[in-house]
């Protein structure tokens, strides 16, 4: 397919079997999944963002997230905005999965 690999290690040769989710899971090849908010505020921008970057962005959120106070979710501020740390954590997690499963 392409010679671009995620973090320089993993191929983007992934097939999404669920037809309903296929248009919402973007597997566009990028070296580092960091768009710097270029798609912010645009309609359906999440569907065009790489799925790994969406995972990293979810990791940067902190707090419980399921409990509401005054109609808003309670979130702390400890891990927010530290995308490079979240990228390193995801890369290490992918390394562990690849080591245990012996698959890409």
N, C-alpha and C. Protein backbone atom coordinates (compact mmCIF):
# COMPACT_ATOMS: atom_id res chain seq x y z
N UNK A 1 0.84 -1.18 0.00
CA UNK A 1 0.00 0.00 0.00
C UNK A 1 0.88 1.25 0.00
N UNK A 2 1.38 1.66 1.14
CA UNK A 2 2.30 2.79 1.19
C UNK A 2 3.48 2.41 2.06
N UNK A 3 4.53 3.21 1.98
CA UNK A 3 5.69 2.93 2.82
C UNK A 3 5.69 3.78 4.09
N UNK A 4 4.64 4.57 4.30
CA UNK A 4 4.53 5.36 5.53
C UNK A 4 4.05 4.43 6.64
N UNK A 5 4.76 4.45 7.76
CA UNK A 5 4.40 3.59 8.89
C UNK A 5 4.15 4.44 10.12
N UNK A 6 3.21 4.01 10.94
CA UNK A 6 2.89 4.70 12.18
C UNK A 6 4.05 4.57 13.15
N UNK A 7 4.56 5.67 13.63
CA UNK A 7 5.73 5.73 14.51
C UNK A 7 6.95 5.05 13.88
N UNK A 8 6.93 4.88 12.56
CA UNK A 8 8.03 4.25 11.86
C UNK A 8 8.09 2.74 12.05
N UNK A 9 7.02 2.13 12.60
CA UNK A 9 7.04 0.70 12.92
C UNK A 9 5.88 -0.09 12.32
N UNK A 10 4.68 0.46 12.32
CA UNK A 10 3.49 -0.31 11.98
C UNK A 10 2.86 0.17 10.69
N UNK A 11 2.44 -0.82 9.88
CA UNK A 11 1.79 -0.52 8.60
C UNK A 11 0.35 -0.07 8.81
N UNK A 12 -0.18 0.56 7.79
CA UNK A 12 -1.58 0.97 7.79
C UNK A 12 -2.44 0.01 6.99
N UNK A 13 -1.99 -1.20 6.77
CA UNK A 13 -2.75 -2.18 6.02
C UNK A 13 -3.79 -2.83 6.93
N UNK A 14 -4.84 -2.08 7.23
CA UNK A 14 -5.90 -2.54 8.11
C UNK A 14 -7.20 -2.50 7.33
N UNK A 15 -8.01 -3.52 7.52
CA UNK A 15 -9.31 -3.58 6.85
C UNK A 15 -10.39 -3.46 7.91
N UNK A 16 -11.28 -2.50 7.74
CA UNK A 16 -12.41 -2.33 8.65
C UNK A 16 -13.56 -3.16 8.10
N UNK A 17 -13.98 -4.17 8.86
CA UNK A 17 -15.01 -5.09 8.38
C UNK A 17 -16.42 -4.55 8.56
N UNK A 18 -16.63 -3.70 9.55
CA UNK A 18 -17.95 -3.14 9.81
C UNK A 18 -18.23 -2.01 8.82
N UNK A 19 -19.19 -2.22 7.94
CA UNK A 19 -19.49 -1.22 6.90
C UNK A 19 -20.06 0.06 7.50
N UNK A 20 -20.75 -0.03 8.62
CA UNK A 20 -21.30 1.16 9.25
C UNK A 20 -20.23 2.06 9.84
N UNK A 21 -19.15 1.48 10.32
CA UNK A 21 -18.08 2.25 10.96
C UNK A 21 -16.98 2.64 9.98
N UNK A 22 -17.03 2.09 8.78
CA UNK A 22 -15.94 2.28 7.83
C UNK A 22 -15.68 3.74 7.49
N UNK A 23 -16.72 4.54 7.34
CA UNK A 23 -16.50 5.94 6.97
C UNK A 23 -16.12 6.81 8.15
N UNK A 24 -16.21 6.29 9.38
CA UNK A 24 -15.85 7.06 10.56
C UNK A 24 -14.47 6.71 11.11
N UNK A 25 -13.87 5.64 10.63
CA UNK A 25 -12.53 5.24 11.07
C UNK A 25 -11.55 5.59 9.96
N UNK A 26 -10.78 6.62 10.19
CA UNK A 26 -9.83 7.08 9.19
C UNK A 26 -8.47 6.43 9.44
N UNK A 27 -7.94 5.81 8.42
CA UNK A 27 -6.63 5.18 8.50
C UNK A 27 -5.67 5.84 7.52
N UNK A 28 -5.76 7.15 7.41
CA UNK A 28 -4.86 7.87 6.52
C UNK A 28 -3.44 7.76 7.04
N UNK A 29 -2.48 7.40 6.20
CA UNK A 29 -1.11 7.20 6.66
C UNK A 29 -0.44 8.50 7.10
N UNK A 30 0.03 8.51 8.33
CA UNK A 30 0.81 9.63 8.87
C UNK A 30 1.93 9.04 9.71
N UNK A 31 3.05 9.73 9.78
CA UNK A 31 4.16 9.27 10.61
C UNK A 31 3.84 9.45 12.09
N UNK A 32 3.46 10.66 12.45
CA UNK A 32 3.10 10.99 13.82
C UNK A 32 1.66 11.52 13.80
N UNK A 33 0.74 10.92 14.54
CA UNK A 33 -0.65 11.37 14.50
C UNK A 33 -0.86 12.64 15.33
N UNK A 34 -0.50 13.78 14.77
CA UNK A 34 -0.64 15.06 15.48
C UNK A 34 -0.98 16.13 14.45
N UNK A 35 -2.26 16.52 14.37
CA UNK A 35 -2.69 17.49 13.37
C UNK A 35 -2.71 18.91 13.91
N UNK A 36 -2.43 19.10 15.17
CA UNK A 36 -2.41 20.43 15.80
C UNK A 36 -3.74 21.15 15.68
N UNK A 37 -4.82 20.42 15.70
CA UNK A 37 -6.14 21.03 15.70
C UNK A 37 -6.56 21.64 14.39
N UNK A 38 -6.00 21.20 13.28
CA UNK A 38 -6.36 21.78 11.98
C UNK A 38 -7.82 21.54 11.61
N UNK A 39 -8.41 20.49 12.14
CA UNK A 39 -9.79 20.17 11.78
C UNK A 39 -10.79 20.67 12.80
N UNK A 40 -10.37 21.46 13.77
CA UNK A 40 -11.25 21.89 14.84
C UNK A 40 -12.37 22.76 14.31
N UNK A 41 -13.59 22.48 14.75
CA UNK A 41 -14.73 23.31 14.39
C UNK A 41 -15.34 23.02 13.04
N UNK A 42 -14.81 22.07 12.31
CA UNK A 42 -15.37 21.74 11.01
C UNK A 42 -16.32 20.56 11.16
N UNK A 43 -17.37 20.56 10.39
CA UNK A 43 -18.36 19.51 10.50
C UNK A 43 -17.78 18.17 10.05
N UNK A 44 -18.03 17.15 10.84
CA UNK A 44 -17.57 15.78 10.59
C UNK A 44 -16.05 15.69 10.53
N UNK A 45 -15.36 16.54 11.25
CA UNK A 45 -13.90 16.54 11.19
C UNK A 45 -13.30 15.32 11.88
N UNK A 46 -14.03 14.76 12.86
CA UNK A 46 -13.49 13.58 13.54
C UNK A 46 -13.39 12.39 12.61
N UNK A 47 -14.27 12.32 11.62
CA UNK A 47 -14.23 11.18 10.71
C UNK A 47 -13.03 11.25 9.78
N UNK A 48 -12.44 12.43 9.62
CA UNK A 48 -11.26 12.57 8.76
C UNK A 48 -9.96 12.49 9.56
N UNK A 49 -10.04 12.52 10.89
CA UNK A 49 -8.86 12.47 11.74
C UNK A 49 -8.42 11.01 11.91
N UNK A 50 -7.13 10.78 11.93
CA UNK A 50 -6.58 9.44 12.09
C UNK A 50 -7.08 8.83 13.40
N UNK A 51 -7.42 7.55 13.37
CA UNK A 51 -8.00 6.88 14.53
C UNK A 51 -7.03 6.84 15.71
N UNK A 52 -5.74 6.77 15.44
CA UNK A 52 -4.75 6.76 16.52
C UNK A 52 -4.71 8.13 17.20
N UNK A 53 -4.83 9.19 16.43
CA UNK A 53 -4.86 10.52 17.04
C UNK A 53 -6.12 10.71 17.89
N UNK A 54 -7.22 10.13 17.46
CA UNK A 54 -8.43 10.21 18.27
C UNK A 54 -8.24 9.48 19.59
N UNK A 55 -7.54 8.34 19.56
CA UNK A 55 -7.23 7.62 20.80
C UNK A 55 -6.36 8.47 21.71
N UNK A 56 -5.33 9.08 21.15
CA UNK A 56 -4.42 9.92 21.94
C UNK A 56 -5.17 11.10 22.54
N UNK A 57 -6.05 11.71 21.78
CA UNK A 57 -6.81 12.84 22.30
C UNK A 57 -7.73 12.42 23.44
N UNK A 58 -8.27 11.21 23.37
CA UNK A 58 -9.10 10.72 24.46
C UNK A 58 -8.26 10.45 25.71
N UNK A 59 -7.02 10.03 25.53
CA UNK A 59 -6.16 9.78 26.68
C UNK A 59 -5.78 11.07 27.39
N UNK A 60 -5.73 12.16 26.67
CA UNK A 60 -5.33 13.43 27.29
C UNK A 60 -6.40 13.98 28.21
N UNK A 61 -7.60 13.48 28.11
CA UNK A 61 -8.66 13.94 29.00
C UNK A 61 -8.44 13.30 30.36
N UNK A 62 -8.77 14.01 31.39
CA UNK A 62 -8.56 13.47 32.72
C UNK A 62 -9.85 13.50 33.51
N UNK A 63 -9.84 12.90 34.66
CA UNK A 63 -11.00 12.89 35.52
C UNK A 63 -11.90 11.71 35.25
N UNK A 64 -12.98 11.67 35.99
CA UNK A 64 -13.88 10.54 35.91
C UNK A 64 -14.64 10.52 34.60
N UNK A 65 -15.23 11.63 34.24
CA UNK A 65 -15.87 11.74 32.95
C UNK A 65 -17.28 11.21 32.87
N UNK A 66 -17.74 10.45 33.87
CA UNK A 66 -19.10 9.92 33.81
C UNK A 66 -20.02 10.62 34.80
N UNK A 67 -19.47 11.38 35.70
CA UNK A 67 -20.28 12.06 36.71
C UNK A 67 -20.48 13.52 36.32
N UNK A 68 -21.73 13.96 36.34
CA UNK A 68 -22.02 15.34 35.96
C UNK A 68 -22.33 16.17 37.19
N UNK A 69 -21.86 17.39 37.20
CA UNK A 69 -22.22 18.38 38.20
C UNK A 69 -22.67 19.62 37.45
N UNK A 70 -23.87 20.07 37.70
CA UNK A 70 -24.44 21.24 37.02
C UNK A 70 -24.45 21.05 35.50
N UNK A 71 -24.70 19.82 35.06
CA UNK A 71 -24.81 19.55 33.64
C UNK A 71 -23.50 19.41 32.90
N UNK A 72 -22.38 19.43 33.61
CA UNK A 72 -21.07 19.34 32.96
C UNK A 72 -20.28 18.18 33.55
N UNK A 73 -19.45 17.58 32.73
CA UNK A 73 -18.58 16.52 33.20
C UNK A 73 -17.45 17.10 34.04
N UNK A 74 -17.10 16.40 35.09
CA UNK A 74 -15.99 16.84 35.94
C UNK A 74 -14.70 16.28 35.36
N UNK A 75 -13.76 17.13 35.10
CA UNK A 75 -12.46 16.71 34.59
C UNK A 75 -11.40 17.49 35.31
N UNK A 76 -10.31 16.82 35.63
CA UNK A 76 -9.18 17.50 36.26
C UNK A 76 -8.33 18.18 35.21
N UNK A 77 -7.19 18.66 35.61
CA UNK A 77 -6.32 19.34 34.63
C UNK A 77 -4.92 18.78 34.62
N UNK A 78 -4.70 17.60 35.18
CA UNK A 78 -3.36 17.05 35.29
C UNK A 78 -2.76 16.59 33.98
N UNK A 79 -3.52 15.91 33.14
CA UNK A 79 -2.96 15.31 31.92
C UNK A 79 -3.39 16.02 30.65
N UNK A 80 -4.10 17.09 30.77
CA UNK A 80 -4.59 17.75 29.57
C UNK A 80 -3.48 18.55 28.91
N UNK A 81 -3.44 18.53 27.60
CA UNK A 81 -2.48 19.33 26.85
C UNK A 81 -1.10 18.73 26.71
N UNK A 82 -0.90 17.52 27.19
CA UNK A 82 0.43 16.91 27.10
C UNK A 82 0.37 15.79 26.06
N UNK A 83 0.30 16.18 24.81
CA UNK A 83 0.09 15.22 23.73
C UNK A 83 1.30 14.34 23.49
N UNK A 84 2.49 14.87 23.66
CA UNK A 84 3.69 14.05 23.41
C UNK A 84 3.78 12.91 24.42
N UNK A 85 3.40 13.16 25.68
CA UNK A 85 3.38 12.09 26.67
C UNK A 85 2.33 11.04 26.31
N UNK A 86 1.18 11.48 25.84
CA UNK A 86 0.14 10.54 25.43
C UNK A 86 0.58 9.74 24.20
N UNK A 87 1.28 10.38 23.26
CA UNK A 87 1.79 9.66 22.09
C UNK A 87 2.80 8.60 22.50
N UNK A 88 3.67 8.92 23.45
CA UNK A 88 4.64 7.94 23.93
C UNK A 88 3.95 6.77 24.61
N UNK A 89 2.89 7.05 25.38
CA UNK A 89 2.15 5.99 26.05
C UNK A 89 1.48 5.06 25.04
N UNK A 90 0.90 5.62 23.99
CA UNK A 90 0.26 4.81 22.96
C UNK A 90 1.29 3.98 22.21
N UNK A 91 2.44 4.58 21.91
CA UNK A 91 3.49 3.84 21.21
C UNK A 91 3.99 2.67 22.07
N UNK A 92 4.19 2.90 23.36
CA UNK A 92 4.61 1.82 24.26
C UNK A 92 3.55 0.73 24.35
N UNK A 93 2.28 1.13 24.37
CA UNK A 93 1.20 0.15 24.42
C UNK A 93 1.17 -0.69 23.15
N UNK A 94 1.37 -0.05 22.00
CA UNK A 94 1.42 -0.79 20.74
C UNK A 94 2.62 -1.73 20.72
N UNK A 95 3.76 -1.30 21.29
CA UNK A 95 4.93 -2.18 21.39
C UNK A 95 4.62 -3.41 22.22
N UNK A 96 3.94 -3.22 23.34
CA UNK A 96 3.61 -4.35 24.22
C UNK A 96 2.67 -5.31 23.52
N UNK A 97 1.67 -4.78 22.83
CA UNK A 97 0.72 -5.64 22.11
C UNK A 97 1.44 -6.41 21.00
N UNK A 98 2.33 -5.75 20.27
CA UNK A 98 3.07 -6.41 19.19
C UNK A 98 4.00 -7.48 19.75
N UNK A 99 4.59 -7.21 20.91
CA UNK A 99 5.50 -8.19 21.52
C UNK A 99 4.74 -9.42 22.01
N UNK A 100 3.57 -9.22 22.59
CA UNK A 100 2.81 -10.34 23.13
C UNK A 100 2.11 -11.16 22.05
N UNK A 101 1.62 -10.50 21.02
CA UNK A 101 0.88 -11.22 19.99
C UNK A 101 1.75 -11.67 18.82
N UNK A 102 2.96 -11.12 18.72
CA UNK A 102 3.87 -11.42 17.61
C UNK A 102 3.26 -11.07 16.26
N UNK A 103 2.37 -10.05 16.26
CA UNK A 103 1.74 -9.57 15.04
C UNK A 103 1.91 -8.08 14.95
N UNK A 104 1.71 -7.56 13.75
CA UNK A 104 1.81 -6.12 13.54
C UNK A 104 0.54 -5.44 14.02
